């Protein structure tokens, strides 16, 4: 199964994007993990290594897709 990781910071834009992503992703093809970087700051290096520059962002099979520009990762440190 392919992996999808949705990174966000808990803002209203992020929460709405999380809801839409959860509805849209085919769960028979992807294992989806939601990571709230505001609550899990220890995951920031992982997000950076995956190529995430801002949140909300969705990483599908190792490729980052940025959704709207909510917050730069540096703002979450």
Protein backbone atom coordinates (compact mmCIF):
# COMPACT_ATOMS: atom_id res chain seq x y z
CA UNK A 1 0.00 0.00 0.00
CA UNK A 2 1.24 3.51 -0.80
CA UNK A 3 1.72 6.07 1.95
CA UNK A 4 0.20 9.54 2.19
CA UNK A 5 1.16 11.95 4.98
CA UNK A 6 -0.79 15.15 5.52
CA UNK A 7 1.12 17.77 7.51
CA UNK A 8 -0.68 20.73 9.04
CA UNK A 9 -0.53 23.23 11.89
CA UNK A 10 -4.13 23.22 13.11
CA UNK A 11 -5.24 26.53 11.58
CA UNK A 12 -8.73 26.75 10.01
CA UNK A 13 -7.30 26.41 6.47
CA UNK A 14 -5.35 23.33 7.54
CA UNK A 15 -8.31 21.71 9.27
CA UNK A 16 -10.53 22.22 6.22
CA UNK A 17 -7.80 20.84 3.93
CA UNK A 18 -7.42 17.83 6.25
CA UNK A 19 -11.15 17.14 5.99
CA UNK A 20 -11.10 17.40 2.19
CA UNK A 21 -7.98 15.25 1.85
CA UNK A 22 -9.48 12.59 4.12
CA UNK A 23 -12.59 12.49 1.90
CA UNK A 24 -10.71 12.51 -1.40
CA UNK A 25 -7.91 9.97 -0.93
CA UNK A 26 -8.64 6.44 -2.05
CA UNK A 27 -7.99 4.49 1.14
CA UNK A 28 -7.78 1.24 -0.78
CA UNK A 29 -4.62 2.63 -2.42
CA UNK A 30 -3.15 4.83 0.31
CA UNK A 31 -2.45 4.51 4.00
CA UNK A 32 -3.09 8.06 5.28
CA UNK A 33 -1.33 9.58 8.28
CA UNK A 34 -2.31 13.00 9.63
CA UNK A 35 0.49 14.93 11.37
CA UNK A 36 -0.36 18.08 13.35
CA UNK A 37 3.02 19.81 13.46
CA UNK A 38 1.83 22.27 16.09
CA UNK A 39 1.37 19.34 18.48
CA UNK A 40 4.16 17.10 17.13
CA UNK A 41 7.09 19.49 16.69
CA UNK A 42 9.44 16.50 16.82
CA UNK A 43 8.14 15.61 13.32
CA UNK A 44 9.30 18.93 11.79
CA UNK A 45 12.67 17.50 10.60
CA UNK A 46 10.80 14.64 8.93
CA UNK A 47 8.51 17.08 7.12
CA UNK A 48 11.49 19.17 6.00
CA UNK A 49 13.30 16.08 4.76
CA UNK A 50 10.19 15.13 2.76
CA UNK A 51 10.37 18.52 1.01
CA UNK A 52 7.56 20.25 2.87
CA UNK A 53 8.11 24.03 2.86
CA UNK A 54 4.74 25.17 4.21
CA UNK A 55 1.56 23.71 5.61
CA UNK A 56 -0.91 22.38 4.81
CA UNK A 57 0.96 19.91 2.64
CA UNK A 58 0.31 16.39 1.45
CA UNK A 59 3.18 14.01 0.74
CA UNK A 60 2.16 11.19 -1.62
CA UNK A 61 4.71 8.45 -2.24
CA UNK A 62 7.49 10.81 -1.14
CA UNK A 63 6.40 13.76 -3.32
CA UNK A 64 5.24 16.93 -1.48
CA UNK A 65 2.18 18.84 -2.65
CA UNK A 66 1.59 22.21 -1.02
CA UNK A 67 -2.03 23.22 -0.48
CA UNK A 68 -2.66 26.94 -0.11
CA UNK A 69 0.08 28.75 1.79
CA UNK A 70 -0.93 28.60 5.41
CA UNK A 71 2.34 28.77 7.36
CA UNK A 72 6.00 28.41 6.60
CA UNK A 73 7.62 25.54 8.51
CA UNK A 74 10.05 27.99 10.12
CA UNK A 75 7.08 29.63 11.88
CA UNK A 76 6.34 26.32 13.63
CA UNK A 77 9.78 25.92 15.21
